[in-house]
């Protein structure tokens, strides 16, 4: 029997499930040809974060995913403390235009990086406003 401490664990996927990745500046130099050859069908690409950060690798990853035959979708890392309108504006300005075969935008909300949300804070209302923007 193989030693599970040295082998990476990959859960089995049903044959009809698509495999995808998400990428950001932390995956600079990614071998997109290898990603496509490994059977990945889609990539979500980080475009923006908060109300003032644009991922410097967005355009490179965005084009590379298309060039290697992967479906692609943009995502935004939402910060409840930041102005939701400015966040949505930054995202739209960065992504500019989606093609008909692009995946829909994703709003990434990570509880581990935010304080608990309450109805009186910018959080839940901000999510909805961001999603309804444009």
Protein backbone atom coordinates (compact mmCIF):
# COMPACT_ATOMS: atom_id res chain seq x y z
CA UNK A 1 0.00 0.00 0.00
CA UNK A 2 1.25 3.49 -0.87
CA UNK A 3 2.41 5.83 1.85
CA UNK A 4 -0.33 8.49 2.03
CA UNK A 5 2.01 10.98 3.70
CA UNK A 6 4.10 11.35 0.55
CA UNK A 7 1.46 11.13 -2.17
CA UNK A 8 -0.76 14.13 -2.94
CA UNK A 9 -4.42 13.40 -2.39
CA UNK A 10 -6.75 13.97 -5.32
CA UNK A 11 -10.37 13.16 -4.58
CA UNK A 12 -12.03 11.16 -7.33
CA UNK A 13 -14.37 13.20 -9.50
CA UNK A 14 -17.35 11.80 -11.35
CA UNK A 15 -16.61 11.67 -15.07
CA UNK A 16 -19.19 14.33 -15.87
CA UNK A 17 -17.68 16.94 -13.54
CA UNK A 18 -15.47 19.67 -14.96
CA UNK A 19 -12.16 20.50 -13.31
CA UNK A 20 -11.05 24.09 -12.88
CA UNK A 21 -8.54 26.31 -11.16
CA UNK A 22 -8.47 29.81 -9.76
CA UNK A 23 -5.43 31.97 -10.40
CA UNK A 24 -3.99 35.26 -9.25
CA UNK A 25 -0.59 36.89 -8.89
CA UNK A 26 0.48 33.93 -6.77
CA UNK A 27 0.55 31.73 -9.89
CA UNK A 28 2.93 33.81 -12.01
CA UNK A 29 4.71 31.70 -14.59
CA UNK A 30 1.91 29.12 -14.68
CA UNK A 31 2.34 26.59 -17.48
CA UNK A 32 -1.04 27.00 -19.15
CA UNK A 33 -0.33 24.28 -21.72
CA UNK A 34 0.23 21.81 -18.88
CA UNK A 35 -2.99 22.97 -17.19
CA UNK A 36 -4.97 22.33 -20.38
CA UNK A 37 -3.24 18.97 -20.98
CA UNK A 38 -4.06 17.92 -17.40
CA UNK A 39 -7.76 18.14 -18.28
CA UNK A 40 -8.72 21.40 -16.62
CA UNK A 41 -11.75 22.89 -18.38
CA UNK A 42 -12.00 26.32 -16.79
CA UNK A 43 -10.15 28.99 -14.83
CA UNK A 44 -11.41 31.75 -12.60
CA UNK A 45 -9.01 34.68 -12.76
CA UNK A 46 -8.65 37.25 -10.00
CA UNK A 47 -9.27 40.72 -11.37
CA UNK A 48 -9.62 42.95 -8.32
CA UNK A 49 -9.70 43.14 -4.55
CA UNK A 50 -11.36 45.73 -2.35
CA UNK A 51 -11.80 49.21 -3.75
CA UNK A 52 -8.23 49.87 -4.89
CA UNK A 53 -6.37 46.72 -5.94
CA UNK A 54 -6.09 45.30 -9.44
CA UNK A 55 -4.27 41.99 -9.74
CA UNK A 56 -1.17 42.73 -11.85
CA UNK A 57 -1.43 39.35 -13.62
CA UNK A 58 -5.12 39.59 -14.54
CA UNK A 59 -4.70 40.42 -18.22
CA UNK A 60 -1.92 37.84 -18.70
CA UNK A 61 -3.89 35.02 -17.04
CA UNK A 62 -7.13 36.12 -18.71
CA UNK A 63 -5.63 35.89 -22.20
CA UNK A 64 -3.63 32.72 -21.48
CA UNK A 65 -6.74 30.84 -20.33
CA UNK A 66 -8.48 31.67 -23.62
CA UNK A 67 -5.36 30.92 -25.68
CA UNK A 68 -5.19 27.41 -24.17
CA UNK A 69 -8.86 26.58 -24.69
CA UNK A 70 -10.12 26.97 -21.13
CA UNK A 71 -13.38 28.65 -20.28
CA UNK A 72 -12.63 31.64 -18.09
CA UNK A 73 -14.41 33.78 -15.55
CA UNK A 74 -13.25 36.82 -13.58
CA UNK A 75 -13.50 37.18 -9.82
CA UNK A 76 -13.35 39.96 -7.25
CA UNK A 77 -12.22 39.56 -3.63
CA UNK A 78 -14.83 41.55 -1.70
CA UNK A 79 -13.92 43.56 1.38
CA UNK A 80 -17.05 44.48 3.41
CA UNK A 81 -15.20 47.42 4.97
CA UNK A 82 -14.54 49.06 1.58
CA UNK A 83 -17.07 51.04 -0.41
CA UNK A 84 -19.11 48.52 -2.38
CA UNK A 85 -19.80 50.91 -5.27
CA UNK A 86 -16.09 51.66 -5.70
CA UNK A 87 -15.35 47.92 -5.61
CA UNK A 88 -17.90 47.23 -8.34
CA UNK A 89 -16.64 50.15 -10.44
CA UNK A 90 -13.04 48.92 -10.17
CA UNK A 91 -14.06 45.41 -11.19
CA UNK A 92 -16.07 46.59 -14.21
CA UNK A 93 -13.27 48.95 -15.27
CA UNK A 94 -10.70 46.14 -14.99
CA UNK A 95 -12.65 43.34 -16.66
CA UNK A 96 -14.21 45.68 -19.24
CA UNK A 97 -16.11 43.18 -21.36
CA UNK A 98 -17.03 39.52 -21.20
CA UNK A 99 -17.29 37.36 -24.29
CA UNK A 100 -20.38 35.21 -24.87
CA UNK A 101 -18.53 32.04 -23.82
CA UNK A 102 -16.98 33.53 -20.65
CA UNK A 103 -18.18 32.31 -17.28
CA UNK A 104 -20.11 34.75 -15.10
CA UNK A 105 -18.23 36.96 -12.62
CA UNK A 106 -17.67 35.56 -9.15
CA UNK A 107 -17.72 37.51 -5.90
CA UNK A 108 -15.20 35.95 -3.50
CA UNK A 109 -16.11 36.55 0.16
CA UNK A 110 -13.74 34.96 2.63
CA UNK A 111 -14.89 34.98 6.23
CA UNK A 112 -11.37 34.36 7.53
CA UNK A 113 -10.20 37.77 6.32
CA UNK A 114 -13.13 39.84 7.49
CA UNK A 115 -14.68 40.67 10.80
CA UNK A 116 -18.10 39.15 11.56
CA UNK A 117 -20.81 40.81 9.50
CA UNK A 118 -23.91 42.32 11.01
CA UNK A 119 -26.98 43.83 9.31
CA UNK A 120 -25.83 47.31 10.37
CA UNK A 121 -22.45 47.02 8.66
CA UNK A 122 -21.66 47.42 4.98
CA UNK A 123 -21.45 43.63 4.53
CA UNK A 124 -24.61 41.88 3.38
CA UNK A 125 -26.11 44.98 1.80
CA UNK A 126 -22.78 45.63 0.10
CA UNK A 127 -22.70 42.11 -1.38
CA UNK A 128 -26.11 42.59 -2.93
CA UNK A 129 -25.28 46.07 -4.24
CA UNK A 130 -22.04 44.78 -5.78
CA UNK A 131 -23.84 41.89 -7.47
CA UNK A 132 -26.54 44.19 -8.86
CA UNK A 133 -24.07 46.79 -10.15
CA UNK A 134 -24.14 47.22 -13.92
